[in-house]
Each structure stands twice: as structure tokens, then as C-alpha cells.
Amino acid sequence: MPTVMNEATKTTKEATKKAKVESYDISRSDETLDLAKDLAKFIKDNKLSTTVQGKEFVNVEGWQYAGSRLGIVPIVEHVINVSNDQEIKYQAKVQLWDLRSQHTVGAGFAVCSNKESGKKFYQEFAIMSMAQTRAVGKAYRNILAWIIRAAGYEPTPAEEMDYNTNMPSVATAPVAAPAPAVALPTMQVVPADAPATVAAEPTPVHYATASQKEEIIRLLNHPVITRQEKTKMLLNINRLDEERAVQAIAKLRKAIDDRENTPEKVAA
């Protein structure tokens, strides 16, 4: 049965009539390019992007910030339960409401299912919530993708990316044979007028995002994960960078799947 939010939508639209609207105008390219610069700084400072295969994808909070600076707010029109006996699945529709014109200027549809990679253990409320989150990002993407691109990010909301299947394959390096002993190299004489070597600046560390930590903790709470494994991971969770967090999530999911299919591994 569909869950329709017509009354909530009407109330939200009436409330927005009194809201203060930002000065940016989406119809003026000079203003929106200024917004792109402001948006790039805001996303970077607040870590509102996710790296997938070396590309930066903006989280829904970043899209909401861009929309709010233009006076465009999301309104959930409906959330529909389309589940069956084998699958938990929700569909959501979000409209974008322009505070200036008091008209709808865009919309987005999205679905979420526990059949998706990495969502096997999600509860029903989480599936429903993710459908709404994706619909918000999709609605903004339909009208603001070029502003996100101008800010230097990929024009696809991060919530639409499948982190597990998009992970680059890591080749296992062959074990090298012990190298034979060699004589020390002769010292090279550097001319006095040679330019000084500038030390390379250290690469900044991008630590795991809040959403990645939340997913790791959720997986660690699964019954097949041992107390020792959980304790070890929690002690080091704040040291993980984004890449290692992605790898940790993938390993936890695989361990859970393997142990569910082979129960005797849990006692090992």
C-alpha cells in the first residue's frame, strides 16, 4: 500500500512562503558560478564528498546546500512500499520547491532495495530512508548538475554509487626473490651551481567519512563477527583513511556472507 504525504507536502509548502530566500539567481550564470566557488569550499571544508575510483562524488548534504543557496528546497511527495515476500523495496518521489516563484521547479524518483550489494542486512526503515535520500539527490541533480560540475565534482550523487562493485581490483604483487649482495654505489659529486632539491609536500590524509564509520559499526554488530574482531576494528576505526575504510567494509561483508553459508566457521 502506498504511503502518500499530501498533507505534509501542503504544510511544508505553506511554511516555506515565510522563509528568507538567498540572493543567488539560477538564471544568471555569473551568480551561479560564484555559487560554484562557494560550494566547492563548503564541500571540501565539511568533507561532504566520497571518493570512488579516484573521483569525487558529492553527498546529498552538499546537493542540499547548493539548493538552499538558490532558495530551492526538497519536499517528499510520496514514499511507496513495493516490497514482496523475497525483497524489501521502497520507491520515493521528491519535488523541488522554489521559494521565490512558489512553484515546483524539478523532481526526482528513486528506489532502494535490500537486494542491492551491501544492503542485505538493512532493516526496513533504513531502506525506506535511503530511497528518500536518493530521491532528494536525484531531484537536485536534474537541475543543478552543471553547478556541481563547475565546483569540480562528479555530477552524480554519491548515494547512487555502488561502492562495493566500483572498487578497483587490487593485484597481488608476486614475492620477489632475495636480492644478491651488491657493492655500495659510489658517491656522486653534485655541481655547486646545481639547483637545490625541493622536498615533496606530504599528501594530506582523507580519513574515513562518518557514513563509512557508521557502516563499519553496523557490520561489526552482526552476530557472526567475534568480540575480538569487533574490538580490534573499533580501536583502529579513527585511523582508517577512506580507501582502507572501503576495503574494511568489503572484507566485513564477505566474512558475514561466508560465515552465514558455512556456520562452522563462526566457532573457529
C-alpha atoms as a PDB file:
ATOM      1  CA  MET A   1       0.000   0.000   0.000  1.00  0.00           C
ATOM      2  CA  PRO A   2       1.444   3.422  -0.880  1.00  0.00           C
ATOM      3  CA  THR A   3       2.320   5.859   1.848  1.00  0.00           C
ATOM      4  CA  VAL A   4       1.359   9.283   0.444  1.00  0.00           C
ATOM      5  CA  MET A   5       2.314  12.532   2.175  1.00  0.00           C
ATOM      6  CA  ASN A   6      -0.045  15.048   0.531  1.00  0.00           C
ATOM      7  CA  GLU A   7      -0.936  16.875   3.777  1.00  0.00           C
ATOM      8  CA  ALA A   8       2.717  17.069   4.839  1.00  0.00           C
ATOM      9  CA  THR A   9       3.626  18.405   1.392  1.00  0.00           C
ATOM     10  CA  LYS A  10       0.947  21.099   1.595  1.00  0.00           C
ATOM     11  CA  THR A  11       2.029  22.141   5.096  1.00  0.00           C
ATOM     12  CA  THR A  12       5.694  22.306   4.059  1.00  0.00           C
ATOM     13  CA  LYS A  13       4.920  24.491   1.033  1.00  0.00           C
ATOM     14  CA  GLU A  14       2.896  26.905   3.181  1.00  0.00           C
ATOM     15  CA  ALA A  15       5.719  27.147   5.701  1.00  0.00           C
ATOM     16  CA  THR A  16       8.274  27.972   3.010  1.00  0.00           C
ATOM     17  CA  LYS A  17       6.355  31.088   1.946  1.00  0.00           C
ATOM     18  CA  LYS A  18       7.725  32.884   5.014  1.00  0.00           C
ATOM     19  CA  ALA A  19      11.300  31.636   4.577  1.00  0.00           C
ATOM     20  CA  LYS A  20      14.104  34.034   3.676  1.00  0.00           C
ATOM     21  CA  VAL A  21      15.499  33.451   0.182  1.00  0.00           C
ATOM     22  CA  GLU A  22      19.198  33.703  -0.723  1.00  0.00           C
ATOM     23  CA  SER A  23      20.302  36.259  -3.333  1.00  0.00           C
ATOM     24  CA  TYR A  24      21.680  33.754  -5.866  1.00  0.00           C
ATOM     25  CA  ASP A  25      19.624  33.519  -9.061  1.00  0.00           C
ATOM     26  CA  ILE A  26      19.857  30.285 -11.084  1.00  0.00           C
ATOM     27  CA  SER A  27      19.000  32.185 -14.272  1.00  0.00           C
ATOM     28  CA  ARG A  28      22.161  34.320 -14.004  1.00  0.00           C
ATOM     29  CA  SER A  29      25.361  32.495 -14.928  1.00  0.00           C
ATOM     30  CA  ASP A  30      27.638  34.969 -13.126  1.00  0.00           C
ATOM     31  CA  GLU A  31      25.859  34.404  -9.830  1.00  0.00           C
ATOM     32  CA  THR A  32      25.745  30.626 -10.156  1.00  0.00           C
ATOM     33  CA  LEU A  33      29.470  30.485 -10.969  1.00  0.00           C
ATOM     34  CA  ASP A  34      30.107  32.417  -7.761  1.00  0.00           C
ATOM     35  CA  LEU A  35      27.936  29.825  -6.043  1.00  0.00           C
ATOM     36  CA  ALA A  36      30.081  27.037  -7.574  1.00  0.00           C
ATOM     37  CA  LYS A  37      33.202  28.523  -5.924  1.00  0.00           C
ATOM     38  CA  ASP A  38      31.424  28.836  -2.584  1.00  0.00           C
ATOM     39  CA  LEU A  39      30.054  25.300  -2.958  1.00  0.00           C
ATOM     40  CA  ALA A  40      33.499  23.809  -3.684  1.00  0.00           C
ATOM     41  CA  LYS A  41      34.881  25.335  -0.476  1.00  0.00           C
ATOM     42  CA  PHE A  42      31.878  24.266   1.606  1.00  0.00           C
ATOM     43  CA  ILE A  43      32.034  20.637   0.402  1.00  0.00           C
ATOM     44  CA  LYS A  44      35.798  20.431   0.995  1.00  0.00           C
ATOM     45  CA  ASP A  45      35.713  22.068   4.433  1.00  0.00           C
ATOM     46  CA  ASN A  46      32.879  19.843   5.645  1.00  0.00           C
ATOM     47  CA  LYS A  47      34.034  16.635   3.896  1.00  0.00           C
ATOM     48  CA  LEU A  48      30.749  16.192   2.033  1.00  0.00           C
ATOM     49  CA  SER A  49      32.123  14.080  -0.813  1.00  0.00           C
ATOM     50  CA  THR A  50      33.035  10.422  -1.285  1.00  0.00           C
ATOM     51  CA  THR A  51      35.934   9.129  -3.381  1.00  0.00           C
ATOM     52  CA  VAL A  52      35.145   6.232  -5.739  1.00  0.00           C
ATOM     53  CA  GLN A  53      37.899   5.072  -8.120  1.00  0.00           C
ATOM     54  CA  GLY A  54      39.739   8.360  -7.712  1.00  0.00           C
ATOM     55  CA  LYS A  55      36.681  10.533  -8.484  1.00  0.00           C
ATOM     56  CA  GLU A  56      34.842  12.779  -6.041  1.00  0.00           C
ATOM     57  CA  PHE A  57      31.066  12.367  -5.676  1.00  0.00           C
ATOM     58  CA  VAL A  58      29.063  14.861  -3.594  1.00  0.00           C
ATOM     59  CA  ASN A  59      26.935  13.549  -0.720  1.00  0.00           C
ATOM     60  CA  VAL A  60      23.281  14.572  -0.547  1.00  0.00           C
ATOM     61  CA  GLU A  61      24.096  17.202   2.098  1.00  0.00           C
ATOM     62  CA  GLY A  62      26.249  19.018  -0.461  1.00  0.00           C
ATOM     63  CA  TRP A  63      23.410  18.990  -3.011  1.00  0.00           C
ATOM     64  CA  GLN A  64      21.026  20.319  -0.360  1.00  0.00           C
ATOM     65  CA  TYR A  65      23.432  23.141   0.437  1.00  0.00           C
ATOM     66  CA  ALA A  66      23.623  24.137  -3.255  1.00  0.00           C
ATOM     67  CA  GLY A  67      19.842  24.109  -3.498  1.00  0.00           C
ATOM     68  CA  SER A  68      19.342  26.115  -0.317  1.00  0.00           C
ATOM     69  CA  ARG A  69      21.652  28.878  -1.578  1.00  0.00           C
ATOM     70  CA  LEU A  70      19.315  29.207  -4.581  1.00  0.00           C
ATOM     71  CA  GLY A  71      16.152  29.160  -2.491  1.00  0.00           C
ATOM     72  CA  ILE A  72      15.207  25.670  -3.727  1.00  0.00           C
ATOM     73  CA  VAL A  73      14.098  23.149  -1.111  1.00  0.00           C
ATOM     74  CA  PRO A  74      13.151  19.443  -1.405  1.00  0.00           C
ATOM     75  CA  ILE A  75       9.690  18.170  -0.477  1.00  0.00           C
ATOM     76  CA  VAL A  76       8.937  14.449  -0.246  1.00  0.00           C
ATOM     77  CA  GLU A  77       5.742  13.921  -2.249  1.00  0.00           C
ATOM     78  CA  HIS A  78       5.331  10.223  -1.509  1.00  0.00           C
ATOM     79  CA  VAL A  79       7.077   7.052  -0.378  1.00  0.00           C
ATOM     80  CA  ILE A  80       5.637   3.786  -1.720  1.00  0.00           C
ATOM     81  CA  ASN A  81       6.253   0.320  -0.309  1.00  0.00           C
ATOM     82  CA  VAL A  82       6.742  -2.006  -3.310  1.00  0.00           C
ATOM     83  CA  SER A  83       8.140  -4.929  -1.296  1.00  0.00           C
ATOM     84  CA  ASN A  84       7.282  -8.585  -1.754  1.00  0.00           C
ATOM     85  CA  ASP A  85       7.992 -11.810   0.150  1.00  0.00           C
ATOM     86  CA  GLN A  86      11.574 -12.002  -1.145  1.00  0.00           C
ATOM     87  CA  GLU A  87      12.536  -8.318  -1.146  1.00  0.00           C
ATOM     88  CA  ILE A  88      12.199  -5.119   0.886  1.00  0.00           C
ATOM     89  CA  LYS A  89      11.870  -2.284  -1.611  1.00  0.00           C
ATOM     90  CA  TYR A  90      10.698   1.329  -1.446  1.00  0.00           C
ATOM     91  CA  GLN A  91      10.122   3.984  -4.098  1.00  0.00           C
ATOM     92  CA  ALA A  92      10.213   7.702  -3.317  1.00  0.00           C
ATOM     93  CA  LYS A  93       9.381  10.892  -5.209  1.00  0.00           C
ATOM     94  CA  VAL A  94      10.756  14.300  -4.226  1.00  0.00           C
ATOM     95  CA  GLN A  95       9.736  17.673  -5.663  1.00  0.00           C
ATOM     96  CA  LEU A  96      11.890  20.807  -5.630  1.00  0.00           C
ATOM     97  CA  TRP A  97      10.069  23.930  -4.484  1.00  0.00           C
ATOM     98  CA  ASP A  98      11.316  27.400  -5.499  1.00  0.00           C
ATOM     99  CA  LEU A  99      10.819  29.827  -2.604  1.00  0.00           C
ATOM    100  CA  ARG A 100      10.838  32.833  -4.948  1.00  0.00           C
ATOM    101  CA  SER A 101       8.301  31.766  -7.538  1.00  0.00           C
ATOM    102  CA  GLN A 102       6.368  29.440  -5.211  1.00  0.00           C
ATOM    103  CA  HIS A 103       6.375  26.821  -7.971  1.00  0.00           C
ATOM    104  CA  THR A 104       7.766  23.337  -8.419  1.00  0.00           C
ATOM    105  CA  VAL A 105      10.987  23.517 -10.465  1.00  0.00           C
ATOM    106  CA  GLY A 106      12.085  19.884 -10.513  1.00  0.00           C
ATOM    107  CA  ALA A 107      11.511  16.364  -9.262  1.00  0.00           C
ATOM    108  CA  GLY A 108      13.343  13.109  -8.702  1.00  0.00           C
ATOM    109  CA  PHE A 109      12.382   9.445  -8.342  1.00  0.00           C
ATOM    110  CA  ALA A 110      14.465   6.776  -6.616  1.00  0.00           C
ATOM    111  CA  VAL A 111      14.200   3.251  -5.244  1.00  0.00           C
ATOM    112  CA  CYS A 112      16.145   1.262  -2.679  1.00  0.00           C
ATOM    113  CA  SER A 113      16.125  -2.494  -2.103  1.00  0.00           C
ATOM    114  CA  ASN A 114      17.771  -4.922   0.285  1.00  0.00           C
ATOM    115  CA  LYS A 115      18.741  -6.943  -2.793  1.00  0.00           C
ATOM    116  CA  GLU A 116      21.371  -4.318  -3.612  1.00  0.00           C
ATOM    117  CA  SER A 117      25.016  -5.024  -2.939  1.00  0.00           C
ATOM    118  CA  GLY A 118      25.843  -4.289   0.694  1.00  0.00           C
ATOM    119  CA  LYS A 119      22.227  -3.845   1.830  1.00  0.00           C
ATOM    120  CA  LYS A 120      21.391  -7.463   2.640  1.00  0.00           C
ATOM    121  CA  PHE A 121      21.190  -6.756   6.394  1.00  0.00           C
ATOM    122  CA  TYR A 122      19.464  -3.357   6.219  1.00  0.00           C
ATOM    123  CA  GLN A 123      16.248  -3.011   8.229  1.00  0.00           C
ATOM    124  CA  GLU A 124      13.073  -1.806   6.519  1.00  0.00           C
ATOM    125  CA  PHE A 125      13.248   1.744   7.877  1.00  0.00           C
ATOM    126  CA  ALA A 126      16.791   2.124   6.505  1.00  0.00           C
ATOM    127  CA  ILE A 127      15.681   1.003   3.024  1.00  0.00           C
ATOM    128  CA  MET A 128      12.796   3.492   3.108  1.00  0.00           C
ATOM    129  CA  SER A 129      15.081   6.285   4.319  1.00  0.00           C
ATOM    130  CA  MET A 130      17.691   5.629   1.625  1.00  0.00           C
ATOM    131  CA  ALA A 131      15.000   5.763  -1.093  1.00  0.00           C
ATOM    132  CA  GLN A 132      14.069   9.267   0.091  1.00  0.00           C
ATOM    133  CA  THR A 133      17.717  10.351   0.366  1.00  0.00           C
ATOM    134  CA  ARG A 134      18.420   9.173  -3.171  1.00  0.00           C
ATOM    135  CA  ALA A 135      15.313  10.930  -4.486  1.00  0.00           C
ATOM    136  CA  VAL A 136      16.491  14.212  -2.935  1.00  0.00           C
ATOM    137  CA  GLY A 137      19.904  13.886  -4.581  1.00  0.00           C
ATOM    138  CA  LYS A 138      18.359  12.865  -7.901  1.00  0.00           C
ATOM    139  CA  ALA A 139      15.948  15.816  -7.932  1.00  0.00           C
ATOM    140  CA  TYR A 140      18.760  18.298  -7.333  1.00  0.00           C
ATOM    141  CA  ARG A 141      20.993  16.510  -9.848  1.00  0.00           C
ATOM    142  CA  ASN A 142      18.369  17.020 -12.578  1.00  0.00           C
ATOM    143  CA  ILE A 143      18.626  20.830 -12.355  1.00  0.00           C
ATOM    144  CA  LEU A 144      21.951  21.574 -10.608  1.00  0.00           C
ATOM    145  CA  ALA A 145      24.367  19.019 -12.077  1.00  0.00           C
ATOM    146  CA  TRP A 146      26.274  21.670 -14.017  1.00  0.00           C
ATOM    147  CA  ILE A 147      26.858  23.732 -10.857  1.00  0.00           C
ATOM    148  CA  ILE A 148      28.304  20.684  -9.075  1.00  0.00           C
ATOM    149  CA  ARG A 149      30.494  20.033 -12.137  1.00  0.00           C
ATOM    150  CA  ALA A 150      31.625  23.676 -12.114  1.00  0.00           C
ATOM    151  CA  ALA A 151      32.584  23.206  -8.472  1.00  0.00           C
ATOM    152  CA  GLY A 152      34.941  20.405  -9.546  1.00  0.00           C
ATOM    153  CA  TYR A 153      32.928  17.317  -8.590  1.00  0.00           C
ATOM    154  CA  GLU A 154      31.202  14.483 -10.446  1.00  0.00           C
ATOM    155  CA  PRO A 155      27.544  15.273 -11.324  1.00  0.00           C
ATOM    156  CA  THR A 156      26.169  12.045  -9.807  1.00  0.00           C
ATOM    157  CA  PRO A 157      25.012  11.982  -6.153  1.00  0.00           C
ATOM    158  CA  ALA A 158      27.257   9.784  -4.008  1.00  0.00           C
ATOM    159  CA  GLU A 159      24.247   7.824  -2.736  1.00  0.00           C
ATOM    160  CA  GLU A 160      23.682   6.435  -6.247  1.00  0.00           C
ATOM    161  CA  MET A 161      27.154   4.880  -6.381  1.00  0.00           C
ATOM    162  CA  ASP A 162      27.735   1.219  -5.573  1.00  0.00           C
ATOM    163  CA  TYR A 163      30.950   1.306  -3.557  1.00  0.00           C
ATOM    164  CA  ASN A 164      31.406  -2.458  -3.495  1.00  0.00           C
ATOM    165  CA  THR A 165      31.127  -3.177  -7.215  1.00  0.00           C
ATOM    166  CA  ASN A 166      33.024   0.008  -8.095  1.00  0.00           C
ATOM    167  CA  MET A 167      36.079  -0.893  -6.066  1.00  0.00           C
ATOM    168  CA  PRO A 168      39.203  -1.186  -8.234  1.00  0.00           C
ATOM    169  CA  SER A 169      40.674  -4.655  -8.298  1.00  0.00           C
ATOM    170  CA  VAL A 170      43.906  -4.921  -6.324  1.00  0.00           C
ATOM    171  CA  ALA A 171      46.510  -7.123  -7.969  1.00  0.00           C
ATOM    172  CA  THR A 172      48.611  -9.239  -5.620  1.00  0.00           C
ATOM    173  CA  ALA A 173      52.254  -8.434  -6.124  1.00  0.00           C
ATOM    174  CA  PRO A 174      54.494 -11.515  -6.574  1.00  0.00           C
ATOM    175  CA  VAL A 175      57.004 -12.219  -3.816  1.00  0.00           C
ATOM    176  CA  ALA A 176      60.386 -11.106  -5.030  1.00  0.00           C
ATOM    177  CA  ALA A 177      63.411 -13.370  -4.577  1.00  0.00           C
ATOM    178  CA  PRO A 178      66.086 -12.092  -2.168  1.00  0.00           C
ATOM    179  CA  ALA A 179      68.377  -9.710  -3.968  1.00  0.00           C
ATOM    180  CA  PRO A 180      72.090 -10.669  -4.087  1.00  0.00           C
ATOM    181  CA  ALA A 181      74.504  -8.601  -2.070  1.00  0.00           C
ATOM    182  CA  VAL A 182      75.836  -5.675  -4.060  1.00  0.00           C
ATOM    183  CA  ALA A 183      78.621  -3.194  -3.502  1.00  0.00           C
ATOM    184  CA  LEU A 184      77.677   0.235  -2.203  1.00  0.00           C
ATOM    185  CA  PRO A 185      77.267   2.761  -5.015  1.00  0.00           C
ATOM    186  CA  THR A 186      79.938   5.340  -5.468  1.00  0.00           C
ATOM    187  CA  MET A 187      79.136   8.801  -4.226  1.00  0.00           C
ATOM    188  CA  GLN A 188      78.045  11.203  -6.955  1.00  0.00           C
ATOM    189  CA  VAL A 189      79.527  14.689  -6.946  1.00  0.00           C
ATOM    190  CA  VAL A 190      76.842  17.369  -7.304  1.00  0.00           C
ATOM    191  CA  PRO A 191      77.974  20.598  -9.010  1.00  0.00           C
ATOM    192  CA  ALA A 192      77.927  23.636  -6.764  1.00  0.00           C
ATOM    193  CA  ASP A 193      75.568  25.515  -9.102  1.00  0.00           C
ATOM    194  CA  ALA A 194      73.021  22.675  -9.286  1.00  0.00           C
ATOM    195  CA  PRO A 195      69.517  23.680  -8.098  1.00  0.00           C
ATOM    196  CA  ALA A 196      68.565  22.501  -4.629  1.00  0.00           C
ATOM    197  CA  THR A 197      66.115  19.608  -4.460  1.00  0.00           C
ATOM    198  CA  VAL A 198      62.774  20.651  -3.030  1.00  0.00           C
ATOM    199  CA  ALA A 199      61.241  18.104  -0.712  1.00  0.00           C
ATOM    200  CA  ALA A 200      57.849  16.926  -1.855  1.00  0.00           C
ATOM    201  CA  GLU A 201      54.959  18.077   0.299  1.00  0.00           C
ATOM    202  CA  PRO A 202      53.266  15.262   2.231  1.00  0.00           C
ATOM    203  CA  THR A 203      49.996  14.064   0.752  1.00  0.00           C
ATOM    204  CA  PRO A 204      47.051  15.015   3.026  1.00  0.00           C
ATOM    205  CA  VAL A 205      45.225  12.071   4.589  1.00  0.00           C
ATOM    206  CA  HIS A 206      41.483  11.830   3.903  1.00  0.00           C
ATOM    207  CA  TYR A 207      40.127   9.958   6.893  1.00  0.00           C
ATOM    208  CA  ALA A 208      37.058   7.713   6.713  1.00  0.00           C
ATOM    209  CA  THR A 209      33.770   9.584   6.427  1.00  0.00           C
ATOM    210  CA  ALA A 210      31.046   9.443   9.069  1.00  0.00           C
ATOM    211  CA  SER A 211      28.879   7.303   6.782  1.00  0.00           C
ATOM    212  CA  GLN A 212      31.733   4.821   6.271  1.00  0.00           C
ATOM    213  CA  LYS A 213      32.301   4.529  10.047  1.00  0.00           C
ATOM    214  CA  GLU A 214      28.567   4.037  10.569  1.00  0.00           C
ATOM    215  CA  GLU A 215      28.522   1.203   8.015  1.00  0.00           C
ATOM    216  CA  ILE A 216      31.565  -0.479   9.624  1.00  0.00           C
ATOM    217  CA  ILE A 217      29.947  -0.349  13.069  1.00  0.00           C
ATOM    218  CA  ARG A 218      26.679  -1.732  11.676  1.00  0.00           C
ATOM    219  CA  LEU A 219      28.514  -4.681  10.126  1.00  0.00           C
ATOM    220  CA  LEU A 220      30.555  -5.297  13.282  1.00  0.00           C
ATOM    221  CA  ASN A 221      27.305  -5.742  15.233  1.00  0.00           C
ATOM    222  CA  HIS A 222      26.376  -8.789  13.132  1.00  0.00           C
ATOM    223  CA  PRO A 223      26.209 -11.976  15.262  1.00  0.00           C
ATOM    224  CA  VAL A 224      28.838 -13.851  13.196  1.00  0.00           C
ATOM    225  CA  ILE A 225      31.533 -11.256  13.934  1.00  0.00           C
ATOM    226  CA  THR A 226      33.543 -12.245  17.011  1.00  0.00           C
ATOM    227  CA  ARG A 227      34.101  -9.976  20.002  1.00  0.00           C
ATOM    228  CA  GLN A 228      37.858  -9.937  19.322  1.00  0.00           C
ATOM    229  CA  GLU A 229      37.335  -8.858  15.716  1.00  0.00           C
ATOM    230  CA  LYS A 230      34.905  -6.146  16.776  1.00  0.00           C
ATOM    231  CA  THR A 231      37.206  -4.792  19.500  1.00  0.00           C
ATOM    232  CA  LYS A 232      40.240  -4.702  17.199  1.00  0.00           C
ATOM    233  CA  MET A 233      38.365  -2.848  14.456  1.00  0.00           C
ATOM    234  CA  LEU A 234      36.785  -0.308  16.828  1.00  0.00           C
ATOM    235  CA  LEU A 235      40.168   0.509  18.374  1.00  0.00           C
ATOM    236  CA  ASN A 236      41.516   1.439  14.937  1.00  0.00           C
ATOM    237  CA  ILE A 237      38.423   2.888  13.242  1.00  0.00           C
ATOM    238  CA  ASN A 238      39.514   6.518  13.685  1.00  0.00           C
ATOM    239  CA  ARG A 239      42.846   5.753  11.984  1.00  0.00           C
ATOM    240  CA  LEU A 240      41.274   4.476   8.772  1.00  0.00           C
ATOM    241  CA  ASP A 241      41.505   6.597   5.660  1.00  0.00           C
ATOM    242  CA  GLU A 242      38.717   6.495   3.042  1.00  0.00           C
ATOM    243  CA  GLU A 243      40.382   3.807   0.895  1.00  0.00           C
ATOM    244  CA  ARG A 244      41.079   1.497   3.846  1.00  0.00           C
ATOM    245  CA  ALA A 245      37.534   2.046   5.090  1.00  0.00           C
ATOM    246  CA  VAL A 246      36.160   0.867   1.729  1.00  0.00           C
ATOM    247  CA  GLN A 247      38.369  -2.227   1.939  1.00  0.00           C
ATOM    248  CA  ALA A 248      37.307  -2.917   5.550  1.00  0.00           C
ATOM    249  CA  ILE A 249      33.617  -2.712   4.602  1.00  0.00           C
ATOM    250  CA  ALA A 250      34.143  -5.116   1.694  1.00  0.00           C
ATOM    251  CA  LYS A 251      36.027  -7.613   3.913  1.00  0.00           C
ATOM    252  CA  LEU A 252      33.364  -7.488   6.619  1.00  0.00           C
ATOM    253  CA  ARG A 253      30.584  -8.112   4.106  1.00  0.00           C
ATOM    254  CA  LYS A 254      32.470 -11.057   2.631  1.00  0.00           C
ATOM    255  CA  ALA A 255      33.172 -12.523   6.075  1.00  0.00           C
ATOM    256  CA  ILE A 256      29.499 -12.269   7.014  1.00  0.00           C
ATOM    257  CA  ASP A 257      28.364 -13.922   3.775  1.00  0.00           C
ATOM    258  CA  ASP A 258      30.964 -16.711   4.094  1.00  0.00           C
ATOM    259  CA  ARG A 259      30.132 -17.462   7.717  1.00  0.00           C
ATOM    260  CA  GLU A 260      26.388 -17.462   7.108  1.00  0.00           C
ATOM    261  CA  ASN A 261      26.851 -20.005   4.351  1.00  0.00           C
ATOM    262  CA  THR A 262      29.309 -22.047   6.442  1.00  0.00           C
ATOM    263  CA  PRO A 263      28.137 -21.790  10.094  1.00  0.00           C
ATOM    264  CA  GLU A 264      31.027 -23.871  11.471  1.00  0.00           C
ATOM    265  CA  LYS A 265      33.435 -21.015  10.635  1.00  0.00           C
ATOM    266  CA  VAL A 266      31.903 -18.865  13.356  1.00  0.00           C
ATOM    267  CA  ALA A 267      33.211 -21.084  16.136  1.00  0.00           C
ATOM    268  CA  ALA A 268      36.753 -21.033  14.708  1.00  0.00           C
END
